[in-house]
Amino acid sequence: MPNQELIHYIETEIIPRYEAFDKAHRTDHVRSVIERSLALATPYGADPDMVYTVAAYHDTGLSVERERHHLYSGAILAADLRLRRWFTEEQIGIMREAAEDHRASSAHAPRTIYGRIVAEADRLIDPETILRRTVQYGLAHYPALDRTGHFLRLKEHLDRKYADGGYLRLWLPESDNAKRLAELRRIIRDAGRLQTLFDRIFDEETRRP
C-alpha cells in the first residue's frame, strides 16, 4: 500500500485534474490504471509508491496537448516539488521516464519496469471499453462528423492501433491483455459485429438525457 500522505496529496491535488479531460480520460480511467498498475507491480517487487505516482501522473500532460501528452506528463511529474518529500531525484528521474514511456504508440520499449507496468496497465484491452472510449473521443473532438464519419474514424483507429499489424505492443506476460486483444481483433475482422456494437454505443452516447 502506498504512503498515506502521498495518497492524500495525489488524491486531492492530482487526480482531480482528470475531470477536465475528455470522457475517456477522466478520474475513472486514472483510478483504473492505478489499480491495475499496483496489481501488476506485485510479481516484480516494484516500489508501490513509485508505481502509484507514475500511474496517477501518466495522463496529466493532456492539460497541455494530446499528441505529446506523455512527454508533458513526465515533465509535470518531474517539476512537482512536493514529490521530493517522498522520493529521491533518482526516483523522480525513473518515474519521469516511466510516464514518458507509457504511450501505446511509443517507438521503443519502456526503459524500466515502472514504464512497462504503467504502459501495460494503461492498455485495458476490454473491447466494450475501447469502442466506447473511441466513440466518446470522436464525439468530443470531431463534433462535425455525422454517424457514418464517426464509424469510419473508429474503424481507422482500431485498424491502426489494435488490428493484426497495429502499433499496440504488450509488455508483461502476467497481464491478461493478450487474450482480450485476440477477442478485439476478432471483432475488428467481423464487419457486421463491429457495426452492430458501434451503433449501440453511439446511440447510448448521443441519447439526450
N, C-alpha and C. Protein backbone atom coordinates (compact mmCIF):
# COMPACT_ATOMS: atom_id res chain seq x y z
N MET A 1 0.84 -1.19 0.00
CA MET A 1 0.00 0.00 0.00
C MET A 1 0.88 1.24 0.00
N PRO A 2 0.65 2.17 -0.92
CA PRO A 2 1.47 3.40 -0.96
C PRO A 2 1.34 4.22 0.32
N ASN A 3 2.33 5.09 0.53
CA ASN A 3 2.36 6.00 1.67
C ASN A 3 1.07 6.81 1.75
N GLN A 4 0.49 6.89 2.93
CA GLN A 4 -0.81 7.55 3.10
C GLN A 4 -0.73 9.06 2.85
N GLU A 5 0.35 9.70 3.23
CA GLU A 5 0.49 11.13 2.95
C GLU A 5 0.60 11.38 1.45
N LEU A 6 1.33 10.51 0.77
CA LEU A 6 1.44 10.62 -0.68
C LEU A 6 0.07 10.43 -1.33
N ILE A 7 -0.67 9.44 -0.88
CA ILE A 7 -2.01 9.20 -1.40
C ILE A 7 -2.89 10.43 -1.21
N HIS A 8 -2.83 11.02 -0.03
CA HIS A 8 -3.66 12.19 0.26
C HIS A 8 -3.31 13.34 -0.70
N TYR A 9 -2.02 13.57 -0.91
CA TYR A 9 -1.61 14.65 -1.81
C TYR A 9 -2.11 14.40 -3.22
N ILE A 10 -1.89 13.20 -3.72
CA ILE A 10 -2.28 12.90 -5.10
C ILE A 10 -3.79 12.89 -5.25
N GLU A 11 -4.49 12.36 -4.26
CA GLU A 11 -5.96 12.33 -4.33
C GLU A 11 -6.58 13.73 -4.33
N THR A 12 -5.95 14.65 -3.65
CA THR A 12 -6.52 16.00 -3.55
C THR A 12 -5.98 16.97 -4.59
N GLU A 13 -4.75 16.75 -5.08
CA GLU A 13 -4.13 17.73 -5.97
C GLU A 13 -3.93 17.24 -7.41
N ILE A 14 -3.83 15.93 -7.61
CA ILE A 14 -3.51 15.42 -8.95
C ILE A 14 -4.72 14.75 -9.61
N ILE A 15 -5.34 13.81 -8.94
CA ILE A 15 -6.48 13.10 -9.52
C ILE A 15 -7.58 14.04 -10.00
N PRO A 16 -7.92 15.10 -9.25
CA PRO A 16 -9.00 15.99 -9.72
C PRO A 16 -8.73 16.65 -11.07
N ARG A 17 -7.47 16.74 -11.50
CA ARG A 17 -7.16 17.34 -12.80
C ARG A 17 -7.81 16.57 -13.94
N TYR A 18 -8.03 15.29 -13.75
CA TYR A 18 -8.59 14.45 -14.81
C TYR A 18 -10.04 14.80 -15.13
N GLU A 19 -10.72 15.48 -14.25
CA GLU A 19 -12.11 15.87 -14.52
C GLU A 19 -12.21 16.85 -15.68
N ALA A 20 -11.11 17.52 -15.99
CA ALA A 20 -11.12 18.49 -17.09
C ALA A 20 -10.83 17.85 -18.44
N PHE A 21 -10.50 16.55 -18.46
CA PHE A 21 -10.14 15.88 -19.71
C PHE A 21 -11.37 15.29 -20.37
N ASP A 22 -11.19 14.73 -21.56
CA ASP A 22 -12.32 14.11 -22.27
C ASP A 22 -12.81 12.89 -21.49
N LYS A 23 -14.01 12.42 -21.85
CA LYS A 23 -14.67 11.36 -21.09
C LYS A 23 -13.85 10.08 -21.01
N ALA A 24 -13.01 9.86 -21.98
CA ALA A 24 -12.20 8.64 -21.98
C ALA A 24 -11.00 8.73 -21.04
N HIS A 25 -10.71 9.91 -20.49
CA HIS A 25 -9.52 10.08 -19.66
C HIS A 25 -9.83 10.82 -18.37
N ARG A 26 -10.97 10.56 -17.79
CA ARG A 26 -11.34 11.22 -16.54
C ARG A 26 -10.94 10.35 -15.35
N THR A 27 -11.45 10.67 -14.17
CA THR A 27 -10.96 10.03 -12.96
C THR A 27 -11.18 8.53 -12.94
N ASP A 28 -12.24 8.05 -13.58
CA ASP A 28 -12.45 6.60 -13.59
C ASP A 28 -11.30 5.91 -14.34
N HIS A 29 -10.79 6.56 -15.38
CA HIS A 29 -9.67 5.99 -16.14
C HIS A 29 -8.40 5.94 -15.29
N VAL A 30 -8.04 7.05 -14.67
CA VAL A 30 -6.78 7.06 -13.92
C VAL A 30 -6.86 6.13 -12.72
N ARG A 31 -8.01 6.05 -12.07
CA ARG A 31 -8.14 5.13 -10.93
C ARG A 31 -8.00 3.67 -11.39
N SER A 32 -8.54 3.37 -12.56
CA SER A 32 -8.42 2.02 -13.10
C SER A 32 -6.96 1.69 -13.41
N VAL A 33 -6.25 2.64 -14.01
CA VAL A 33 -4.83 2.43 -14.31
C VAL A 33 -4.03 2.26 -13.02
N ILE A 34 -4.33 3.04 -12.01
CA ILE A 34 -3.64 2.91 -10.72
C ILE A 34 -3.87 1.51 -10.15
N GLU A 35 -5.11 1.06 -10.14
CA GLU A 35 -5.43 -0.25 -9.57
C GLU A 35 -4.71 -1.37 -10.31
N ARG A 36 -4.74 -1.34 -11.64
CA ARG A 36 -4.09 -2.39 -12.40
C ARG A 36 -2.57 -2.30 -12.28
N SER A 37 -2.03 -1.09 -12.20
CA SER A 37 -0.58 -0.93 -12.04
C SER A 37 -0.10 -1.56 -10.73
N LEU A 38 -0.80 -1.30 -9.65
CA LEU A 38 -0.40 -1.84 -8.36
C LEU A 38 -0.50 -3.36 -8.36
N ALA A 39 -1.50 -3.91 -9.02
CA ALA A 39 -1.63 -5.37 -9.11
C ALA A 39 -0.49 -5.97 -9.93
N LEU A 40 -0.15 -5.33 -11.03
CA LEU A 40 0.93 -5.84 -11.87
C LEU A 40 2.30 -5.69 -11.22
N ALA A 41 2.43 -4.72 -10.31
CA ALA A 41 3.72 -4.46 -9.68
C ALA A 41 4.14 -5.57 -8.75
N THR A 42 3.19 -6.28 -8.17
CA THR A 42 3.49 -7.26 -7.13
C THR A 42 4.49 -8.32 -7.57
N PRO A 43 4.32 -8.97 -8.73
CA PRO A 43 5.28 -10.02 -9.12
C PRO A 43 6.71 -9.53 -9.30
N TYR A 44 6.89 -8.21 -9.49
CA TYR A 44 8.22 -7.68 -9.78
C TYR A 44 8.87 -7.00 -8.58
N GLY A 45 8.16 -6.92 -7.46
CA GLY A 45 8.71 -6.26 -6.30
C GLY A 45 8.96 -4.79 -6.50
N ALA A 46 8.20 -4.16 -7.37
CA ALA A 46 8.38 -2.73 -7.64
C ALA A 46 7.88 -1.89 -6.47
N ASP A 47 8.49 -0.74 -6.28
CA ASP A 47 8.13 0.17 -5.19
C ASP A 47 6.69 0.65 -5.41
N PRO A 48 5.76 0.34 -4.50
CA PRO A 48 4.36 0.73 -4.72
C PRO A 48 4.15 2.23 -4.76
N ASP A 49 4.96 3.00 -4.00
CA ASP A 49 4.83 4.46 -4.05
C ASP A 49 5.15 4.98 -5.45
N MET A 50 6.20 4.44 -6.05
CA MET A 50 6.60 4.90 -7.38
C MET A 50 5.57 4.47 -8.43
N VAL A 51 5.12 3.22 -8.34
CA VAL A 51 4.11 2.74 -9.29
C VAL A 51 2.85 3.59 -9.20
N TYR A 52 2.40 3.83 -7.98
CA TYR A 52 1.20 4.63 -7.76
C TYR A 52 1.36 6.03 -8.36
N THR A 53 2.51 6.63 -8.15
CA THR A 53 2.73 8.00 -8.61
C THR A 53 2.78 8.08 -10.12
N VAL A 54 3.51 7.19 -10.76
CA VAL A 54 3.56 7.20 -12.22
C VAL A 54 2.16 7.01 -12.79
N ALA A 55 1.41 6.06 -12.27
CA ALA A 55 0.06 5.82 -12.76
C ALA A 55 -0.82 7.05 -12.58
N ALA A 56 -0.67 7.74 -11.47
CA ALA A 56 -1.51 8.92 -11.19
C ALA A 56 -1.18 10.08 -12.13
N TYR A 57 0.07 10.22 -12.51
CA TYR A 57 0.50 11.35 -13.34
C TYR A 57 0.49 11.02 -14.84
N HIS A 58 0.23 9.78 -15.23
CA HIS A 58 0.56 9.34 -16.58
C HIS A 58 -0.14 10.12 -17.69
N ASP A 59 -1.33 10.66 -17.43
CA ASP A 59 -2.05 11.43 -18.46
C ASP A 59 -2.20 12.90 -18.12
N THR A 60 -1.52 13.39 -17.10
CA THR A 60 -1.66 14.80 -16.72
C THR A 60 -1.23 15.74 -17.85
N GLY A 61 -0.38 15.26 -18.74
CA GLY A 61 0.07 16.08 -19.86
C GLY A 61 -1.04 16.42 -20.84
N LEU A 62 -2.20 15.77 -20.73
CA LEU A 62 -3.34 16.14 -21.57
C LEU A 62 -3.78 17.57 -21.32
N SER A 63 -3.38 18.14 -20.19
CA SER A 63 -3.70 19.54 -19.91
C SER A 63 -2.94 20.49 -20.83
N VAL A 64 -1.91 19.98 -21.49
CA VAL A 64 -1.11 20.79 -22.42
C VAL A 64 -1.51 20.50 -23.86
N GLU A 65 -1.36 19.23 -24.27
CA GLU A 65 -1.78 18.80 -25.61
C GLU A 65 -1.83 17.28 -25.63
N ARG A 66 -2.56 16.72 -26.59
CA ARG A 66 -2.72 15.27 -26.65
C ARG A 66 -1.55 14.58 -27.32
N GLU A 67 -1.08 15.09 -28.42
CA GLU A 67 -0.12 14.37 -29.25
C GLU A 67 1.16 14.01 -28.49
N ARG A 68 1.64 14.92 -27.67
CA ARG A 68 2.86 14.67 -26.90
C ARG A 68 2.59 14.66 -25.40
N HIS A 69 1.37 14.25 -25.04
CA HIS A 69 0.98 14.35 -23.63
C HIS A 69 1.87 13.50 -22.72
N HIS A 70 2.39 12.38 -23.26
CA HIS A 70 3.24 11.52 -22.43
C HIS A 70 4.52 12.25 -22.00
N LEU A 71 5.05 13.07 -22.90
CA LEU A 71 6.24 13.85 -22.55
C LEU A 71 5.91 14.93 -21.54
N TYR A 72 4.79 15.60 -21.73
CA TYR A 72 4.38 16.63 -20.78
C TYR A 72 4.02 16.01 -19.43
N SER A 73 3.47 14.81 -19.43
CA SER A 73 3.17 14.14 -18.16
C SER A 73 4.45 13.92 -17.37
N GLY A 74 5.49 13.45 -18.06
CA GLY A 74 6.77 13.26 -17.39
C GLY A 74 7.33 14.56 -16.85
N ALA A 75 7.18 15.62 -17.63
CA ALA A 75 7.70 16.92 -17.20
C ALA A 75 6.92 17.45 -16.00
N ILE A 76 5.60 17.27 -16.00
CA ILE A 76 4.78 17.72 -14.88
C ILE A 76 5.17 16.97 -13.61
N LEU A 77 5.37 15.66 -13.72
CA LEU A 77 5.79 14.87 -12.57
C LEU A 77 7.14 15.36 -12.04
N ALA A 78 8.10 15.53 -12.94
CA ALA A 78 9.44 15.92 -12.52
C ALA A 78 9.48 17.32 -11.92
N ALA A 79 8.58 18.19 -12.33
CA ALA A 79 8.57 19.57 -11.85
C ALA A 79 7.83 19.73 -10.53
N ASP A 80 7.16 18.70 -10.08
CA ASP A 80 6.36 18.80 -8.86
C ASP A 80 7.28 18.70 -7.63
N LEU A 81 7.57 19.81 -7.04
CA LEU A 81 8.50 19.85 -5.92
C LEU A 81 7.97 19.12 -4.69
N ARG A 82 6.65 19.01 -4.57
CA ARG A 82 6.08 18.32 -3.42
C ARG A 82 6.49 16.84 -3.39
N LEU A 83 6.74 16.28 -4.54
CA LEU A 83 7.11 14.87 -4.58
C LEU A 83 8.47 14.59 -3.95
N ARG A 84 9.30 15.65 -3.80
CA ARG A 84 10.61 15.46 -3.17
C ARG A 84 10.47 15.10 -1.68
N ARG A 85 9.30 15.24 -1.14
CA ARG A 85 9.07 14.83 0.25
C ARG A 85 9.18 13.31 0.38
N TRP A 86 8.84 12.59 -0.70
CA TRP A 86 8.78 11.12 -0.64
C TRP A 86 9.81 10.42 -1.53
N PHE A 87 10.40 11.15 -2.48
CA PHE A 87 11.27 10.48 -3.45
C PHE A 87 12.60 11.20 -3.63
N THR A 88 13.63 10.43 -3.97
CA THR A 88 14.93 11.00 -4.31
C THR A 88 14.90 11.50 -5.75
N GLU A 89 15.92 12.26 -6.13
CA GLU A 89 16.00 12.74 -7.50
C GLU A 89 16.15 11.57 -8.48
N GLU A 90 16.85 10.54 -8.06
CA GLU A 90 16.98 9.36 -8.93
C GLU A 90 15.62 8.72 -9.16
N GLN A 91 14.82 8.59 -8.12
CA GLN A 91 13.48 8.01 -8.27
C GLN A 91 12.59 8.90 -9.14
N ILE A 92 12.72 10.20 -8.97
CA ILE A 92 11.95 11.14 -9.80
C ILE A 92 12.30 10.93 -11.27
N GLY A 93 13.59 10.76 -11.55
CA GLY A 93 14.01 10.54 -12.93
C GLY A 93 13.44 9.25 -13.51
N ILE A 94 13.43 8.19 -12.73
CA ILE A 94 12.87 6.92 -13.19
C ILE A 94 11.38 7.07 -13.46
N MET A 95 10.68 7.77 -12.58
CA MET A 95 9.24 7.95 -12.76
C MET A 95 8.94 8.84 -13.96
N ARG A 96 9.77 9.85 -14.17
CA ARG A 96 9.58 10.69 -15.35
C ARG A 96 9.69 9.84 -16.61
N GLU A 97 10.72 9.02 -16.70
CA GLU A 97 10.89 8.16 -17.87
C GLU A 97 9.69 7.22 -18.03
N ALA A 98 9.20 6.69 -16.94
CA ALA A 98 8.07 5.77 -17.00
C ALA A 98 6.82 6.45 -17.54
N ALA A 99 6.57 7.68 -17.09
CA ALA A 99 5.42 8.44 -17.61
C ALA A 99 5.60 8.72 -19.10
N GLU A 100 6.82 9.06 -19.50
CA GLU A 100 7.10 9.33 -20.92
C GLU A 100 6.90 8.08 -21.78
N ASP A 101 7.17 6.92 -21.19
CA ASP A 101 7.18 5.67 -21.96
C ASP A 101 5.84 4.96 -22.01
N HIS A 102 4.82 5.51 -21.35
CA HIS A 102 3.57 4.74 -21.22
C HIS A 102 2.74 4.70 -22.51
N ARG A 103 3.00 5.59 -23.43
CA ARG A 103 2.11 5.73 -24.58
C ARG A 103 2.17 4.51 -25.50
N ALA A 104 1.01 4.07 -25.97
CA ALA A 104 0.93 2.86 -26.79
C ALA A 104 1.66 3.01 -28.11
N SER A 105 1.73 4.22 -28.64
CA SER A 105 2.37 4.43 -29.94
C SER A 105 3.86 4.69 -29.85
N SER A 106 4.43 4.53 -28.65
CA SER A 106 5.86 4.76 -28.50
C SER A 106 6.65 3.82 -29.41
N ALA A 107 7.71 4.34 -30.00
CA ALA A 107 8.51 3.55 -30.94
C ALA A 107 9.50 2.63 -30.23
N HIS A 108 9.64 2.77 -28.90
CA HIS A 108 10.60 1.95 -28.18
C HIS A 108 9.94 1.33 -26.95
N ALA A 109 10.51 0.26 -26.46
CA ALA A 109 10.01 -0.37 -25.25
C ALA A 109 10.27 0.53 -24.06
N PRO A 110 9.43 0.48 -23.04
CA PRO A 110 9.69 1.25 -21.83
C PRO A 110 11.07 0.92 -21.26
N ARG A 111 11.72 1.95 -20.72
CA ARG A 111 13.10 1.79 -20.30
C ARG A 111 13.27 1.07 -18.96
N THR A 112 12.23 1.05 -18.14
CA THR A 112 12.31 0.40 -16.83
C THR A 112 11.04 -0.40 -16.58
N ILE A 113 11.08 -1.20 -15.52
CA ILE A 113 9.91 -1.99 -15.17
C ILE A 113 8.74 -1.07 -14.81
N TYR A 114 9.02 0.13 -14.31
CA TYR A 114 7.93 1.05 -13.97
C TYR A 114 7.19 1.51 -15.23
N GLY A 115 7.95 1.76 -16.28
CA GLY A 115 7.30 2.11 -17.54
C GLY A 115 6.51 0.97 -18.10
N ARG A 116 7.05 -0.25 -18.00
CA ARG A 116 6.33 -1.42 -18.51
C ARG A 116 5.03 -1.65 -17.75
N ILE A 117 5.09 -1.50 -16.44
CA ILE A 117 3.90 -1.73 -15.62
C ILE A 117 2.79 -0.77 -15.98
N VAL A 118 3.09 0.53 -16.01
CA VAL A 118 2.04 1.52 -16.27
C VAL A 118 1.59 1.48 -17.72
N ALA A 119 2.53 1.21 -18.64
CA ALA A 119 2.14 1.08 -20.04
C ALA A 119 1.16 -0.07 -20.22
N GLU A 120 1.43 -1.20 -19.57
CA GLU A 120 0.54 -2.35 -19.67
C GLU A 120 -0.80 -2.07 -18.99
N ALA A 121 -0.76 -1.43 -17.83
CA ALA A 121 -1.99 -1.11 -17.10
C ALA A 121 -2.86 -0.13 -17.88
N ASP A 122 -2.23 0.75 -18.64
CA ASP A 122 -2.97 1.73 -19.43
C ASP A 122 -3.62 1.09 -20.64
N ARG A 123 -3.17 -0.10 -21.01
CA ARG A 123 -3.74 -0.81 -22.15
C ARG A 123 -4.83 -1.76 -21.68
N LEU A 124 -5.93 -1.22 -21.22
CA LEU A 124 -7.06 -2.06 -20.82
C LEU A 124 -7.70 -2.59 -22.10
N ILE A 125 -7.39 -3.82 -22.44
CA ILE A 125 -7.90 -4.38 -23.68
C ILE A 125 -9.26 -5.01 -23.41
N ASP A 126 -10.23 -4.16 -23.15
CA ASP A 126 -11.61 -4.60 -23.00
C ASP A 126 -12.38 -4.06 -24.20
N PRO A 127 -12.86 -4.93 -25.10
CA PRO A 127 -13.46 -4.44 -26.35
C PRO A 127 -14.54 -3.40 -26.14
N GLU A 128 -15.46 -3.63 -25.22
CA GLU A 128 -16.54 -2.68 -24.98
C GLU A 128 -16.00 -1.33 -24.56
N THR A 129 -15.03 -1.35 -23.63
CA THR A 129 -14.45 -0.09 -23.14
C THR A 129 -13.70 0.64 -24.24
N ILE A 130 -12.93 -0.08 -25.03
CA ILE A 130 -12.18 0.55 -26.11
C ILE A 130 -13.10 1.18 -27.14
N LEU A 131 -14.14 0.46 -27.54
CA LEU A 131 -15.08 1.02 -28.50
C LEU A 131 -15.77 2.26 -27.94
N ARG A 132 -16.18 2.18 -26.68
CA ARG A 132 -16.88 3.33 -26.08
C ARG A 132 -15.97 4.53 -25.95
N ARG A 133 -14.75 4.29 -25.50
CA ARG A 133 -13.81 5.41 -25.36
C ARG A 133 -13.51 6.04 -26.71
N THR A 134 -13.42 5.23 -27.75
CA THR A 134 -13.15 5.77 -29.08
C THR A 134 -14.31 6.60 -29.58
N VAL A 135 -15.53 6.13 -29.35
CA VAL A 135 -16.71 6.92 -29.72
C VAL A 135 -16.76 8.21 -28.92
N GLN A 136 -16.51 8.13 -27.63
CA GLN A 136 -16.53 9.32 -26.77
C GLN A 136 -15.51 10.35 -27.23
N TYR A 137 -14.32 9.89 -27.57
CA TYR A 137 -13.30 10.82 -28.03
C TYR A 137 -13.71 11.47 -29.34
N GLY A 138 -14.26 10.69 -30.25
CA GLY A 138 -14.71 11.24 -31.53
C GLY A 138 -15.80 12.28 -31.36
N LEU A 139 -16.76 12.01 -30.49
CA LEU A 139 -17.84 12.96 -30.26
C LEU A 139 -17.31 14.26 -29.65
N ALA A 140 -16.32 14.13 -28.77
CA ALA A 140 -15.77 15.32 -28.10
C ALA A 140 -14.89 16.15 -29.02
N HIS A 141 -14.15 15.50 -29.91
CA HIS A 141 -13.14 16.21 -30.69
C HIS A 141 -13.48 16.40 -32.17
N TYR A 142 -14.48 15.68 -32.65
CA TYR A 142 -14.89 15.80 -34.05
C TYR A 142 -16.41 15.96 -34.15
N PRO A 143 -16.95 17.01 -33.54
CA PRO A 143 -18.41 17.17 -33.50
C PRO A 143 -19.06 17.36 -34.87
N ALA A 144 -18.29 17.75 -35.87
CA ALA A 144 -18.87 17.98 -37.19
C ALA A 144 -19.13 16.68 -37.95
N LEU A 145 -18.55 15.57 -37.51
CA LEU A 145 -18.75 14.31 -38.20
C LEU A 145 -20.18 13.81 -38.03
N ASP A 146 -20.71 13.19 -39.07
CA ASP A 146 -22.01 12.54 -38.93
C ASP A 146 -21.78 11.11 -38.44
N ARG A 147 -22.86 10.34 -38.31
CA ARG A 147 -22.76 8.99 -37.78
C ARG A 147 -21.78 8.13 -38.59
N THR A 148 -21.89 8.18 -39.92
CA THR A 148 -21.00 7.41 -40.77
C THR A 148 -19.55 7.84 -40.57
N GLY A 149 -19.35 9.13 -40.45
CA GLY A 149 -17.99 9.64 -40.24
C GLY A 149 -17.40 9.15 -38.93
N HIS A 150 -18.22 9.09 -37.88
CA HIS A 150 -17.72 8.58 -36.61
C HIS A 150 -17.39 7.10 -36.70
N PHE A 151 -18.19 6.34 -37.43
CA PHE A 151 -17.89 4.91 -37.59
C PHE A 151 -16.57 4.72 -38.36
N LEU A 152 -16.39 5.47 -39.43
CA LEU A 152 -15.16 5.33 -40.21
C LEU A 152 -13.95 5.75 -39.39
N ARG A 153 -14.10 6.77 -38.56
CA ARG A 153 -12.99 7.19 -37.70
C ARG A 153 -12.67 6.10 -36.69
N LEU A 154 -13.69 5.50 -36.10
CA LEU A 154 -13.48 4.40 -35.17
C LEU A 154 -12.77 3.24 -35.85
N LYS A 155 -13.23 2.87 -37.04
CA LYS A 155 -12.62 1.74 -37.76
C LYS A 155 -11.17 2.02 -38.09
N GLU A 156 -10.87 3.23 -38.52
CA GLU A 156 -9.49 3.59 -38.84
C GLU A 156 -8.61 3.52 -37.59
N HIS A 157 -9.12 4.00 -36.48
CA HIS A 157 -8.36 3.97 -35.22
C HIS A 157 -8.09 2.53 -34.79
N LEU A 158 -9.12 1.69 -34.83
CA LEU A 158 -8.96 0.30 -34.43
C LEU A 158 -7.96 -0.43 -35.33
N ASP A 159 -8.05 -0.20 -36.64
CA ASP A 159 -7.14 -0.86 -37.58
C ASP A 159 -5.69 -0.43 -37.32
N ARG A 160 -5.51 0.85 -37.06
CA ARG A 160 -4.15 1.38 -36.90
C ARG A 160 -3.51 0.93 -35.58
N LYS A 161 -4.34 0.81 -34.54
CA LYS A 161 -3.79 0.53 -33.21
C LYS A 161 -3.90 -0.93 -32.79
N TYR A 162 -5.08 -1.54 -32.97
CA TYR A 162 -5.35 -2.83 -32.35
C TYR A 162 -5.38 -4.02 -33.30
N ALA A 163 -5.61 -3.81 -34.59
CA ALA A 163 -5.75 -4.93 -35.52
C ALA A 163 -4.42 -5.65 -35.71
N ASP A 164 -4.46 -6.81 -36.36
CA ASP A 164 -3.23 -7.51 -36.70
C ASP A 164 -2.30 -6.54 -37.45
N GLY A 165 -1.08 -6.39 -36.96
CA GLY A 165 -0.14 -5.45 -37.55
C GLY A 165 -0.23 -4.05 -37.00
N GLY A 166 -1.16 -3.81 -36.06
CA GLY A 166 -1.28 -2.49 -35.45
C GLY A 166 -0.10 -2.18 -34.55
N TYR A 167 -0.01 -0.91 -34.13
CA TYR A 167 1.19 -0.49 -33.41
C TYR A 167 1.18 -0.85 -31.93
N LEU A 168 0.04 -1.28 -31.38
CA LEU A 168 -0.01 -1.60 -29.96
C LEU A 168 0.94 -2.74 -29.62
N ARG A 169 1.71 -2.56 -28.54
CA ARG A 169 2.60 -3.61 -28.05
C ARG A 169 2.29 -3.88 -26.58
N LEU A 170 2.31 -5.17 -26.20
CA LEU A 170 2.09 -5.56 -24.82
C LEU A 170 3.44 -5.95 -24.22
N TRP A 171 3.61 -5.64 -22.91
CA TRP A 171 4.93 -5.75 -22.32
C TRP A 171 5.06 -6.77 -21.19
N LEU A 172 3.98 -7.16 -20.54
CA LEU A 172 4.08 -8.03 -19.38
C LEU A 172 3.26 -9.31 -19.57
N PRO A 173 3.87 -10.47 -19.44
CA PRO A 173 3.13 -11.72 -19.63
C PRO A 173 2.10 -11.97 -18.54
N GLU A 174 2.25 -11.33 -17.37
CA GLU A 174 1.30 -11.53 -16.28
C GLU A 174 -0.06 -10.89 -16.55
N SER A 175 -0.11 -9.99 -17.49
CA SER A 175 -1.37 -9.33 -17.83
C SER A 175 -2.21 -10.25 -18.71
N ASP A 176 -3.54 -10.12 -18.57
CA ASP A 176 -4.43 -10.92 -19.42
C ASP A 176 -4.84 -10.16 -20.68
N ASN A 177 -4.08 -9.10 -21.00
CA ASN A 177 -4.42 -8.29 -22.17
C ASN A 177 -4.30 -9.05 -23.48
N ALA A 178 -3.39 -10.03 -23.55
CA ALA A 178 -3.20 -10.74 -24.81
C ALA A 178 -4.48 -11.48 -25.22
N LYS A 179 -5.12 -12.12 -24.27
CA LYS A 179 -6.36 -12.84 -24.57
C LYS A 179 -7.45 -11.86 -25.00
N ARG A 180 -7.53 -10.74 -24.33
CA ARG A 180 -8.55 -9.75 -24.68
C ARG A 180 -8.27 -9.10 -26.02
N LEU A 181 -6.99 -8.92 -26.34
CA LEU A 181 -6.64 -8.35 -27.63
C LEU A 181 -7.07 -9.29 -28.76
N ALA A 182 -6.93 -10.59 -28.54
CA ALA A 182 -7.36 -11.55 -29.55
C ALA A 182 -8.86 -11.44 -29.80
N GLU A 183 -9.64 -11.25 -28.74
CA GLU A 183 -11.08 -11.08 -28.90
C GLU A 183 -11.41 -9.79 -29.64
N LEU A 184 -10.71 -8.71 -29.32
CA LEU A 184 -10.95 -7.44 -30.01
C LEU A 184 -10.61 -7.58 -31.49
N ARG A 185 -9.57 -8.30 -31.81
CA ARG A 185 -9.20 -8.49 -33.21
C ARG A 185 -10.25 -9.30 -33.97
N ARG A 186 -10.90 -10.23 -33.28
CA ARG A 186 -11.99 -10.97 -33.92
C ARG A 186 -13.15 -10.03 -34.26
N ILE A 187 -13.43 -9.08 -33.37
CA ILE A 187 -14.49 -8.11 -33.61
C ILE A 187 -14.13 -7.21 -34.79
N ILE A 188 -12.88 -6.76 -34.84
CA ILE A 188 -12.45 -5.88 -35.92
C ILE A 188 -12.58 -6.57 -37.27
N ARG A 189 -12.28 -7.85 -37.30
CA ARG A 189 -12.36 -8.59 -38.56
C ARG A 189 -13.81 -8.88 -38.98
N ASP A 190 -14.74 -8.82 -38.04
CA ASP A 190 -16.15 -9.11 -38.31
C ASP A 190 -16.89 -7.79 -38.51
N ALA A 191 -17.01 -7.34 -39.76
CA ALA A 191 -17.56 -6.01 -40.06
C ALA A 191 -18.98 -5.85 -39.52
N GLY A 192 -19.79 -6.90 -39.64
CA GLY A 192 -21.17 -6.80 -39.16
C GLY A 192 -21.25 -6.65 -37.66
N ARG A 193 -20.46 -7.42 -36.96
CA ARG A 193 -20.46 -7.32 -35.49
C ARG A 193 -19.94 -5.97 -35.04
N LEU A 194 -18.89 -5.48 -35.69
CA LEU A 194 -18.35 -4.18 -35.33
C LEU A 194 -19.39 -3.09 -35.54
N GLN A 195 -20.10 -3.14 -36.65
CA GLN A 195 -21.13 -2.13 -36.94
C GLN A 195 -22.24 -2.18 -35.88
N THR A 196 -22.66 -3.37 -35.50
CA THR A 196 -23.72 -3.51 -34.50
C THR A 196 -23.29 -2.94 -33.16
N LEU A 197 -22.07 -3.24 -32.73
CA LEU A 197 -21.57 -2.70 -31.48
C LEU A 197 -21.45 -1.19 -31.53
N PHE A 198 -20.92 -0.68 -32.64
CA PHE A 198 -20.82 0.77 -32.79
C PHE A 198 -22.18 1.42 -32.70
N ASP A 199 -23.17 0.90 -33.42
CA ASP A 199 -24.50 1.50 -33.43
C ASP A 199 -25.08 1.60 -32.02
N ARG A 200 -24.94 0.53 -31.24
CA ARG A 200 -25.48 0.55 -29.88
C ARG A 200 -24.77 1.60 -29.02
N ILE A 201 -23.45 1.59 -29.06
CA ILE A 201 -22.69 2.52 -28.22
C ILE A 201 -22.91 3.95 -28.67
N PHE A 202 -22.93 4.19 -29.98
CA PHE A 202 -23.14 5.54 -30.48
C PHE A 202 -24.51 6.07 -30.04
N ASP A 203 -25.53 5.22 -30.13
CA ASP A 203 -26.86 5.64 -29.69
C ASP A 203 -26.89 5.94 -28.19
N GLU A 204 -26.20 5.13 -27.41
CA GLU A 204 -26.15 5.37 -25.96
C GLU A 204 -25.44 6.68 -25.64
N GLU A 205 -24.36 6.96 -26.35
CA GLU A 205 -23.57 8.15 -26.06
C GLU A 205 -24.21 9.43 -26.58
N THR A 206 -25.09 9.32 -27.55
CA THR A 206 -25.71 10.54 -28.12
C THR A 206 -27.17 10.70 -27.68
N ARG A 207 -27.66 9.78 -26.89
CA ARG A 207 -29.05 9.88 -26.42
C ARG A 207 -29.18 11.07 -25.50
N ARG A 208 -30.21 11.85 -25.73
CA ARG A 208 -30.45 13.03 -24.89
C ARG A 208 -30.92 12.57 -23.51
N PRO A 209 -30.45 13.23 -22.44
CA PRO A 209 -30.85 12.82 -21.09
C PRO A 209 -32.32 13.12 -20.84
